Protein backbone atom coordinates (compact mmCIF):
# COMPACT_ATOMS: atom_id res chain seq x y z
CA UNK A 1 61.58 13.55 14.75
CA UNK A 2 60.56 16.73 12.72
CA UNK A 3 59.18 14.49 9.97
CA UNK A 4 57.23 12.47 12.44
CA UNK A 5 55.82 15.63 14.02
CA UNK A 6 54.62 16.88 10.69
CA UNK A 7 53.01 13.56 9.84
CA UNK A 8 51.21 13.36 13.32
CA UNK A 9 48.15 15.65 12.35
CA UNK A 10 47.82 13.77 9.12
CA UNK A 11 47.88 10.52 10.83
CA UNK A 12 45.41 11.66 13.42
CA UNK A 13 43.00 12.83 10.76
CA UNK A 14 43.34 9.62 8.75
CA UNK A 15 42.77 7.58 12.03
CA UNK A 16 39.62 9.56 12.71
CA UNK A 17 38.46 8.94 9.16
CA UNK A 18 39.08 5.26 9.44
CA UNK A 19 37.20 4.87 12.66
CA UNK A 20 34.19 6.83 11.29
CA UNK A 21 34.13 4.65 8.05
CA UNK A 22 34.43 1.58 10.19
CA UNK A 23 31.50 2.63 12.35
CA UNK A 24 29.35 3.41 9.28
CA UNK A 25 30.20 0.20 7.54
CA UNK A 26 29.40 -1.71 10.79
CA UNK A 27 26.14 0.14 11.12
CA UNK A 28 25.17 -0.65 7.49
CA UNK A 29 26.04 -4.42 8.08
CA UNK A 30 23.86 -4.38 11.21
CA UNK A 31 20.89 -2.94 9.51
CA UNK A 32 20.80 -5.75 6.97
CA UNK A 33 22.01 -8.67 9.06
CA UNK A 34 19.55 -8.06 12.01
CA UNK A 35 16.64 -10.50 11.94
CA UNK A 36 13.36 -9.09 10.62
CA UNK A 37 10.07 -9.35 12.52
CA UNK A 38 8.05 -10.33 9.56
CA UNK A 39 8.95 -12.96 6.95
CA UNK A 40 7.02 -13.23 3.65
CA UNK A 41 7.40 -16.16 1.18
CA UNK A 42 6.52 -15.94 -2.48
CA UNK A 43 3.38 -18.29 -1.73
CA UNK A 44 2.22 -15.90 0.96
CA UNK A 45 2.68 -12.94 -1.32
CA UNK A 46 0.63 -14.66 -4.11
CA UNK A 47 -2.16 -15.59 -1.63
CA UNK A 48 -2.42 -12.00 -0.32
CA UNK A 49 -2.61 -10.57 -3.92
CA UNK A 50 -5.40 -13.09 -4.92
CA UNK A 51 -7.34 -12.23 -1.85
CA UNK A 52 -6.94 -8.51 -1.59
CA UNK A 53 -5.70 -6.92 -4.81
CA UNK A 54 -8.19 -4.23 -5.96
CA UNK A 55 -7.89 -5.15 -9.58
CA UNK A 56 -9.05 -8.73 -8.86
CA UNK A 57 -11.95 -7.44 -6.75
CA UNK A 58 -12.95 -5.09 -9.53
CA UNK A 59 -12.87 -8.00 -11.99
CA UNK A 60 -15.14 -10.11 -9.71
CA UNK A 61 -17.58 -7.11 -9.50
CA UNK A 62 -17.64 -6.98 -13.38
CA UNK A 63 -18.46 -10.61 -13.59
CA UNK A 64 -21.33 -10.06 -11.10
CA UNK A 65 -22.55 -7.09 -13.15
CA UNK A 66 -22.51 -9.11 -16.29
CA UNK A 67 -24.48 -11.81 -14.54
CA UNK A 68 -27.11 -9.20 -13.65
CA UNK A 69 -27.12 -8.23 -17.32
CA UNK A 70 -28.06 -11.86 -18.29
CA UNK A 71 -30.96 -11.63 -15.80
CA UNK A 72 -31.97 -8.37 -17.44
CA UNK A 73 -31.88 -9.79 -20.92
CA UNK A 74 -34.22 -12.63 -19.95
CA UNK A 75 -36.83 -10.22 -18.53
CA UNK A 76 -40.15 -9.76 -20.51
CA UNK A 77 -41.28 -6.21 -21.13
CA UNK A 78 -43.79 -4.88 -18.66
CA UNK A 79 -47.39 -4.33 -19.69
CA UNK A 80 -49.12 -0.97 -19.52
CA UNK A 81 -52.41 -0.51 -17.92
CA UNK A 82 -54.56 2.80 -18.05
CA UNK A 83 -57.90 3.94 -16.51
CA UNK A 84 -60.06 6.94 -17.19
CA UNK A 85 -63.19 7.90 -15.29
CA UNK A 86 -65.52 10.86 -15.72
CA UNK A 87 -69.08 12.02 -15.40
CA UNK A 88 -71.20 11.79 -18.70
CA UNK A 89 -74.22 14.06 -18.81
CA UNK A 90 -76.83 14.30 -21.67
CA UNK A 91 -79.59 16.66 -21.93
CA UNK A 92 -81.14 14.87 -24.95
CA UNK A 93 -84.09 12.73 -24.10
CA UNK A 94 -83.36 8.95 -24.32
CA UNK A 95 -79.59 9.17 -23.36
CA UNK A 96 -78.36 8.07 -19.94
CA UNK A 97 -76.21 10.21 -17.86
CA UNK A 98 -73.80 8.92 -15.23
CA UNK A 99 -70.30 7.70 -14.56
CA UNK A 100 -68.18 6.68 -17.64
CA UNK A 101 -65.12 4.48 -17.29
CA UNK A 102 -62.43 3.59 -19.85
CA UNK A 103 -59.73 0.94 -19.23
CA UNK A 104 -56.67 0.09 -21.46
CA UNK A 105 -54.15 -2.66 -21.36
CA UNK A 106 -51.20 -3.13 -23.74
CA UNK A 107 -48.52 -5.83 -23.89
CA UNK A 108 -45.37 -5.61 -25.98
CA UNK A 109 -44.59 -8.70 -27.82
CA UNK A 110 -41.00 -9.80 -28.66
CA UNK A 111 -41.04 -11.84 -31.73
CA UNK A 112 -38.33 -13.24 -34.07
CA UNK A 113 -34.60 -13.10 -33.11
CA UNK A 114 -34.76 -10.04 -30.87
CA UNK A 115 -34.93 -11.74 -27.56
CA UNK A 116 -32.35 -14.54 -28.34
CA UNK A 117 -29.94 -11.96 -29.70
CA UNK A 118 -30.13 -9.81 -26.61
CA UNK A 119 -29.55 -12.76 -24.34
CA UNK A 120 -26.62 -13.85 -26.52
CA UNK A 121 -24.97 -10.45 -26.10
CA UNK A 122 -25.42 -10.61 -22.36
CA UNK A 123 -23.96 -14.10 -22.06
CA UNK A 124 -20.98 -13.21 -24.22
CA UNK A 125 -20.39 -10.11 -22.02
CA UNK A 126 -20.18 -12.34 -18.98
CA UNK A 127 -17.73 -14.71 -20.85
CA UNK A 128 -15.63 -11.78 -21.83
CA UNK A 129 -15.36 -10.55 -18.27
CA UNK A 130 -14.40 -14.00 -17.05
CA UNK A 131 -11.56 -13.97 -19.53
CA UNK A 132 -10.64 -10.41 -18.45
CA UNK A 133 -10.49 -11.47 -14.78
CA UNK A 134 -8.28 -14.56 -15.69
CA UNK A 135 -5.94 -12.34 -17.66
CA UNK A 136 -5.83 -9.64 -14.94
CA UNK A 137 -5.05 -12.47 -12.36
CA UNK A 138 -2.03 -13.61 -14.49
CA UNK A 139 -0.89 -10.06 -14.69
CA UNK A 140 -1.14 -9.34 -11.04
CA UNK A 141 0.49 -12.62 -10.03
CA UNK A 142 3.34 -12.04 -12.51
CA UNK A 143 3.79 -8.49 -10.94
CA UNK A 144 4.08 -9.98 -7.53
CA UNK A 145 6.67 -12.47 -8.68
CA UNK A 146 8.75 -9.77 -10.48
CA UNK A 147 8.67 -7.60 -7.33
CA UNK A 148 9.36 -10.46 -4.99
CA UNK A 149 12.43 -11.60 -6.98
CA UNK A 150 13.59 -7.88 -7.30
CA UNK A 151 13.73 -7.68 -3.45
CA UNK A 152 15.81 -10.87 -3.39
CA UNK A 153 18.03 -9.52 -6.03
CA UNK A 154 18.68 -6.10 -4.27
CA UNK A 155 19.32 -8.01 -0.99
CA UNK A 156 21.96 -10.28 -2.77
CA UNK A 157 23.50 -7.05 -4.11
CA UNK A 158 23.73 -5.68 -0.61
CA UNK A 159 25.49 -8.84 0.52
CA UNK A 160 27.97 -8.67 -2.26
CA UNK A 161 28.74 -4.98 -1.96
CA UNK A 162 28.93 -5.33 1.90
CA UNK A 163 31.50 -8.03 1.60
CA UNK A 164 33.38 -5.94 -0.98
CA UNK A 165 33.36 -3.06 1.52
CA UNK A 166 34.69 -5.39 4.19
CA UNK A 167 37.60 -6.47 2.04
CA UNK A 168 38.40 -2.81 1.03
CA UNK A 169 38.42 -1.86 4.79
CA UNK A 170 40.71 -4.70 5.63
CA UNK A 171 43.03 -3.80 2.69
CA UNK A 172 42.94 -0.05 3.75
CA UNK A 173 43.90 -1.06 7.26
CA UNK A 174 46.94 -3.03 5.99
CA UNK A 175 48.04 -0.19 3.96
CA UNK A 176 47.87 2.22 6.80
CA UNK A 177 50.06 0.04 8.85
CA UNK A 178 52.62 -0.18 5.95
CA UNK A 179 52.44 3.65 5.53
CA UNK A 180 52.96 4.19 9.23
CA UNK A 181 56.11 1.99 9.32
CA UNK A 182 57.39 3.50 6.13
CA UNK A 183 57.01 0.50 3.80
CA UNK A 184 54.62 2.33 1.45
CA UNK A 185 54.04 5.78 0.29
CA UNK A 186 51.05 7.99 1.54
CA UNK A 187 49.71 8.00 -2.05
CA UNK A 188 48.67 4.38 -1.62
CA UNK A 189 46.67 5.15 1.42
CA UNK A 190 45.00 8.00 -0.52
CA UNK A 191 44.05 5.58 -3.26
CA UNK A 192 42.67 3.12 -0.60
CA UNK A 193 40.62 5.76 1.00
CA UNK A 194 39.06 6.76 -2.46
CA UNK A 195 38.29 3.02 -3.12
CA UNK A 196 36.75 2.82 0.42
CA UNK A 197 34.53 5.81 -0.33
CA UNK A 198 33.38 4.22 -3.64
CA UNK A 199 32.67 0.99 -2.00
CA UNK A 200 30.56 2.59 0.79
CA UNK A 201 28.68 4.69 -1.76
CA UNK A 202 27.84 1.47 -3.87
CA UNK A 203 26.61 -0.23 -0.63
CA UNK A 204 24.47 2.68 0.31
CA UNK A 205 22.96 2.82 -3.21
CA UNK A 206 22.19 -0.87 -3.00
CA UNK A 207 20.46 -0.27 0.26
CA UNK A 208 18.28 2.50 -1.25
CA UNK A 209 17.28 0.23 -4.17
CA UNK A 210 16.42 -2.47 -1.71
CA UNK A 211 14.09 -0.12 0.12
CA UNK A 212 12.43 0.84 -3.19
CA UNK A 213 11.93 -2.78 -4.16
CA UNK A 214 10.14 -3.43 -0.89
CA UNK A 215 7.79 -0.48 -1.71
CA UNK A 216 7.06 -2.06 -5.17
CA UNK A 217 6.43 -5.39 -3.53
CA UNK A 218 3.76 -3.83 -1.23
CA UNK A 219 2.16 -2.13 -4.12
CA UNK A 220 2.01 -5.24 -6.34
CA UNK A 221 0.53 -7.33 -3.52
CA UNK A 222 -2.24 -4.71 -3.15
CA UNK A 223 -2.39 -5.23 0.64
CA UNK A 224 -0.87 -3.50 3.64
CA UNK A 225 2.37 -5.22 4.70
CA UNK A 226 4.54 -4.54 7.78
CA UNK A 227 7.23 -1.95 7.42
CA UNK A 228 9.76 -4.40 9.03
CA UNK A 229 9.65 -7.03 6.34
CA UNK A 230 11.99 -9.62 4.91
CA UNK A 231 11.40 -12.04 2.08
CA UNK A 232 12.32 -15.63 2.00
CA UNK A 233 12.73 -17.56 -1.27
CA UNK A 234 15.03 -18.83 -3.89
CA UNK A 235 15.22 -18.79 -7.75
CA UNK A 236 13.22 -21.17 -9.88
CA UNK A 237 15.34 -24.11 -11.27
CA UNK A 238 16.46 -24.38 -14.76
CA UNK A 239 13.55 -25.23 -17.13
CA UNK A 240 14.04 -26.95 -20.37
CA UNK A 241 12.07 -24.76 -22.90
CA UNK A 242 9.97 -26.41 -25.66
CA UNK A 243 10.59 -25.13 -29.26
CA UNK A 244 9.60 -21.47 -29.83
CA UNK A 245 6.84 -22.45 -32.28
CA UNK A 246 5.16 -24.60 -29.68
CA UNK A 247 5.32 -21.76 -27.12
CA UNK A 248 3.90 -19.35 -29.74
CA UNK A 249 0.89 -21.58 -30.45
CA UNK A 250 0.27 -22.23 -26.85
CA UNK A 251 0.27 -18.63 -26.02
CA UNK A 252 -2.09 -17.70 -28.87
CA UNK A 253 -4.42 -20.63 -28.07
CA UNK A 254 -4.72 -20.57 -24.19
CA UNK A 255 -3.88 -17.01 -23.02
CA UNK A 256 -6.90 -15.27 -21.51
CA UNK A 257 -5.93 -12.02 -23.09
CA UNK A 258 -6.36 -13.57 -26.53
CA UNK A 259 -9.48 -15.50 -25.47
CA UNK A 260 -10.98 -12.22 -24.27
CA UNK A 261 -10.51 -10.31 -27.49
CA UNK A 262 -11.98 -13.32 -29.48
CA UNK A 263 -14.94 -13.25 -27.09
CA UNK A 264 -15.30 -9.58 -27.55
CA UNK A 265 -15.41 -10.09 -31.42
CA UNK A 266 -18.22 -12.61 -30.99
CA UNK A 267 -20.03 -10.28 -28.62
CA UNK A 268 -19.94 -7.30 -30.99
CA UNK A 269 -20.95 -9.51 -33.80
CA UNK A 270 -24.01 -10.69 -31.64
CA UNK A 271 -24.58 -6.94 -30.99
CA UNK A 272 -24.87 -6.42 -34.79
CA UNK A 273 -27.52 -9.14 -34.91
CA UNK A 274 -29.31 -7.60 -32.00
CA UNK A 275 -29.39 -4.13 -33.81
CA UNK A 276 -30.58 -5.83 -36.94
CA UNK A 277 -33.31 -7.63 -35.06
CA UNK A 278 -34.64 -4.37 -33.81
CA UNK A 279 -35.53 -3.33 -37.28
CA UNK A 280 -38.29 -5.92 -37.23
CA UNK A 281 -41.46 -4.27 -36.07
CA UNK A 282 -42.48 -5.55 -32.63
CA UNK A 283 -46.30 -5.63 -32.25
CA UNK A 284 -48.21 -4.78 -28.99
CA UNK A 285 -51.32 -6.46 -27.90
CA UNK A 286 -53.93 -3.91 -26.93
CA UNK A 287 -57.21 -4.37 -25.05
CA UNK A 288 -59.76 -1.70 -24.23
CA UNK A 289 -62.88 -1.60 -22.12
CA UNK A 290 -65.27 1.20 -22.33
CA UNK A 291 -68.04 1.35 -19.78
CA UNK A 292 -70.51 4.27 -20.40
CA UNK A 293 -73.68 4.54 -18.02
CA UNK A 294 -75.86 2.56 -20.60
CA UNK A 295 -74.00 -0.19 -22.42
CA UNK A 296 -70.33 -1.28 -22.19
CA UNK A 297 -68.08 -2.02 -25.20
CA UNK A 298 -64.91 -4.25 -25.45
CA UNK A 299 -62.09 -3.95 -28.02
CA UNK A 300 -58.99 -6.16 -28.67
CA UNK A 301 -56.35 -5.39 -31.31
CA UNK A 302 -52.78 -5.41 -32.29
CA UNK A 303 -50.53 -2.19 -32.61
CA UNK A 304 -47.59 -2.54 -35.13
CA UNK A 305 -44.98 0.37 -35.34
CA UNK A 306 -43.85 1.08 -38.89
CA UNK A 307 -40.15 1.58 -39.48
CA UNK A 308 -40.71 4.40 -42.00
CA UNK A 309 -38.22 7.13 -41.02
CA UNK A 310 -35.76 5.33 -38.78
CA UNK A 311 -34.53 2.12 -40.05
CA UNK A 312 -31.62 1.94 -37.48
CA UNK A 313 -28.79 2.36 -40.07
CA UNK A 314 -26.75 4.40 -37.58
CA UNK A 315 -26.69 1.83 -34.72
CA UNK A 316 -26.13 -1.15 -37.09
CA UNK A 317 -23.26 0.76 -38.66
CA UNK A 318 -21.85 1.53 -35.20
CA UNK A 319 -21.94 -2.09 -34.18
CA UNK A 320 -20.30 -3.11 -37.31
CA UNK A 321 -17.53 -0.60 -36.76
CA UNK A 322 -17.07 -2.03 -33.29
CA UNK A 323 -16.37 -5.43 -34.69
CA UNK A 324 -13.82 -4.09 -37.05
CA UNK A 325 -12.12 -2.22 -34.31
CA UNK A 326 -11.91 -5.16 -31.85
CA UNK A 327 -10.78 -7.39 -34.74
CA UNK A 328 -7.82 -4.96 -35.38
CA UNK A 329 -7.03 -4.80 -31.68
CA UNK A 330 -6.86 -8.67 -31.61
CA UNK A 331 -4.45 -8.62 -34.52
CA UNK A 332 -2.22 -6.06 -32.85
CA UNK A 333 -2.37 -7.95 -29.52
CA UNK A 334 -1.33 -11.10 -31.43
CA UNK A 335 1.71 -9.35 -32.71
CA UNK A 336 2.64 -8.10 -29.22
CA UNK A 337 2.26 -11.61 -27.80
CA UNK A 338 4.59 -13.11 -30.47
CA UNK A 339 7.21 -10.27 -30.09
CA UNK A 340 7.15 -10.56 -26.23
CA UNK A 341 7.39 -14.29 -26.32
CA UNK A 342 10.29 -14.27 -28.77
CA UNK A 343 12.18 -11.62 -26.64
CA UNK A 344 11.61 -13.56 -23.43
CA UNK A 345 12.74 -16.84 -25.07
CA UNK A 346 15.93 -15.20 -26.32
CA UNK A 347 16.70 -13.60 -23.01
CA UNK A 348 16.17 -16.85 -21.14
CA UNK A 349 18.60 -18.75 -23.37
CA UNK A 350 21.20 -15.85 -23.29
CA UNK A 351 21.04 -15.68 -19.42
CA UNK A 352 21.47 -19.51 -19.36
CA UNK A 353 24.56 -19.28 -21.55
CA UNK A 354 26.02 -16.44 -19.33
CA UNK A 355 25.45 -18.45 -16.18
CA UNK A 356 27.28 -21.54 -17.78
CA UNK A 357 30.16 -19.27 -18.78
CA UNK A 358 30.44 -18.06 -15.18
CA UNK A 359 30.17 -21.51 -13.55
CA UNK A 360 32.89 -22.84 -16.00
CA UNK A 361 35.66 -20.80 -14.65
CA UNK A 362 35.09 -16.99 -14.47
CA UNK A 363 34.63 -17.13 -10.70
CA UNK A 364 37.86 -19.09 -10.13
CA UNK A 365 39.90 -16.95 -12.39
CA UNK A 366 38.78 -13.69 -10.69
CA UNK A 367 39.31 -15.01 -7.22
CA UNK A 368 42.80 -16.26 -8.29
CA UNK A 369 43.53 -12.95 -9.71
CA UNK A 370 42.83 -11.11 -6.37
CA UNK A 371 45.05 -13.60 -4.40
CA UNK A 372 47.85 -13.35 -6.86
CA UNK A 373 47.63 -9.43 -6.82
CA UNK A 374 47.61 -9.48 -2.82
CA UNK A 375 50.64 -11.78 -2.87
CA UNK A 376 52.60 -9.65 -5.38
CA UNK A 377 51.73 -6.60 -3.40
CA UNK A 378 53.00 -7.98 -0.10
CA UNK A 379 56.24 -8.91 -1.80
CA UNK A 380 56.55 -5.50 -3.26
CA UNK A 381 56.20 -6.76 -6.93
CA UNK A 382 52.97 -4.88 -7.56
CA UNK A 383 51.34 -1.73 -6.36
CA UNK A 384 48.01 -1.02 -4.64
CA UNK A 385 46.33 -0.27 -7.96
CA UNK A 386 46.74 -3.90 -9.21
CA UNK A 387 45.11 -5.12 -6.00
CA UNK A 388 42.19 -2.62 -6.18
CA UNK A 389 41.74 -3.54 -9.89
CA UNK A 390 41.50 -7.18 -9.12
CA UNK A 391 39.01 -6.62 -6.38
CA UNK A 392 36.92 -4.59 -8.81
CA UNK A 393 37.08 -7.43 -11.29
CA UNK A 394 35.99 -9.92 -8.73
CA UNK A 395 33.14 -7.68 -7.46
CA UNK A 396 31.97 -7.11 -11.15
CA UNK A 397 31.96 -10.89 -11.83
CA UNK A 398 29.95 -11.63 -8.73
CA UNK A 399 27.49 -8.80 -9.57
CA UNK A 400 27.23 -10.00 -13.25
CA UNK A 401 26.60 -13.54 -12.12
CA UNK A 402 23.86 -12.40 -9.92
CA UNK A 403 22.32 -10.23 -12.65
CA UNK A 404 22.46 -13.24 -14.99
CA UNK A 405 20.64 -15.34 -12.53
CA UNK A 406 17.75 -12.90 -11.97
CA UNK A 407 17.63 -11.91 -15.58
CA UNK A 408 16.86 -15.62 -16.39
CA UNK A 409 14.28 -15.48 -13.58
CA UNK A 410 12.62 -12.39 -15.10
CA UNK A 411 12.59 -13.99 -18.65
CA UNK A 412 10.84 -17.12 -17.03
CA UNK A 413 8.27 -15.02 -15.51
CA UNK A 414 7.58 -13.32 -18.76
CA UNK A 415 7.35 -16.74 -20.46
CA UNK A 416 4.96 -18.04 -17.80
CA UNK A 417 2.86 -15.02 -18.06
CA UNK A 418 2.62 -14.99 -21.99
CA UNK A 419 1.72 -18.74 -22.04
CA UNK A 420 -0.70 -18.54 -19.13
CA UNK A 421 1.07 -21.10 -17.05
CA UNK A 422 0.05 -21.80 -13.50
CA UNK A 423 2.09 -19.07 -11.72
CA UNK A 424 1.81 -20.86 -8.43
CA UNK A 425 3.20 -24.23 -9.48
CA UNK A 426 6.55 -25.46 -8.34
CA UNK A 427 7.16 -22.53 -6.02
CA UNK A 428 10.68 -23.27 -4.48
């Protein structure tokens, strides 16, 4: 009786701790099992990004500005008109005094390659902005897909860790009963309490990561989404990839990012031609009418500037330097494309191999290990540590399998982005 009296406060304290932990875990499970008011699919998220993302709207505005630049390049230079009037007075006999008028008209003439070169620069500028918008669209949609699947990943982690928390709670409850009836020592209950705290901490951490992933999804979409939001979707199926050399060539040939840099090289080369064309003197047609009080006079001529001091060496050299700079950027971008493609290709194959290993028996082995440890514990052949270790292994296997699934999905998104695939095709 004295021993039971001493154990009574300890039992009451543990019972209070058990009830509080059960309530907290039930509250955590309720928060993530309750139906959400707003559901978002991947197709809906991509549509929202295409309609409202600021980067895409900025790209459209740049194309409109480039189109206006084409209109500007086609415009002819405006003429200049002048008029001067005054009173002319002569005191010498035979001269006529009266109103004197003087009119001038001049029209710049664009001869040679100047006008075509300016139009070519403007047209290539529009083409570059179109490629830039296409590349921005691929980047935006890829960001949406990454954020969307990250939300699914975090939610699946919550499911796994919540299930693990439930198993630990049940195990802890059984241990408490055994301790109370004297079949197990209090040290086992302490170990179970410590494992319960670790399981609850992991579940809470997954919840925080889930909230953060939802915030990233809202940012990637570029539109306001409801705070009470849940996503619906599943992973893309396995894709048999073509050889790496084929993917590399496809990425370099079709990706808008590479096409943009090639277009920029052409645009700056056309700008060099435009600067060279400006060295050619452009004449002006000049007409003058002078109307003194007695007899008017008419004059027509051509004014030609002489490039004596300034032969535009500076602007031509600047344009040539821009061509070299963009060419170097294109080479660096090509290296980045190839490196990123090779990395994504290797990650996709590695994740596929890992999934095959899990599906071939790791799951079954980890599950059987937990069952065997629990049976041995009930028979008294093993301690609580073996059961807890087996549960940790099972939880790790489930999380590793989940990570391999979403690692392969992330690699596939990178591959689709690098080879400029239609990111909205075959959405599951």
